[in-house]
Amino acid sequence: MSTLRLNLVQSDIIWENPPANIARTESLLTHAPHADIILLPEMWSTGFTMHPENAAEDATGHALSWMMEYARTSNAVIAGSMATRHHGRFYNRFYWAFPDGHLEWYDKKHLFSYGGEDKPYTAGTTQVSIEIKGWNIMPIVCYDLRFPAWCRNRNDYDLLVVVANWPVPRIHHWDALVRARAIENQCYVTAVNRVGSDGNGLQYTGHSSVYNMNGDLLHTLKEQEGVIPAVLNKEELNEYRNTYKFLQDQDVFEF
């Protein structure tokens, strides 16, 4: 399929309150166009909590159940990360809920030790590829964005998706890194951040964005809540890669 339609949801997450965040997300999506994929921020149902013993859900939790039902009724994949409890451990898990009821996920590899995320959560160990309508997609979460070797495109993905709670003091890093990942990996990048403030006292200013494989900014949303619709074109991506065959000369990193 040559095009892929996305809605990026930039929300002001209510602290550790999944029902309120579900309602807020539904409200933001009320007038959004139909999409193949709906992307929510990191820990979209709770905010970036370091108390997963109070906030984490298992596979039967309210927020994940809502994602699965919304995917079914909207006929779209809905994706976002959540504080998750699994086999006695906590993960920052990036779920992908499909309309047919199946789930895929990626566990955040690089936990934000500066903010103490490495204490309550367990790091993932595996890169993941999601296939949707002929597009190969690599999901990452927030701090993963800082590590280009982990994000490296080995000619195995078309779209890099990052969801985050990236605060104001380092928002210029976010803007630079999202664009850099698009250029060096010759891929589309869709990056979803939040706005508002959280229970840690951190402020967020959005800057959710979509870049193409040349590093051109296609869409962005600054400090307000909202939905960014985007349409990505596979033919344009392939033409660019066939013209500029930079990926064939890359170094190899093994994990």
Foldseek 3Di string as FASTA:
>chain_A
DFKFKEKFWAAAAAALAQVVLLVRRCVQCVPPDQGQEYEYAFQSRHPPDPPCVSRAEECPDDNNVSQQVCQQVSVHWYWYWHFHADPNATFRKIWTHHNVGDIDIDTAADADVVVPRVPRHDHGDDWDWDDDPNFTETEHEAVVLVDCLSLACLVRGAEYEYHYADFDVCVVVVLVSQLVSLARRLHKYWYWYYAQAYPVGTGHWIFGFIAGSNSDTDDTDTRDTHMDMDMGGNVVSVVVCVVPVPSVPDDDDDD
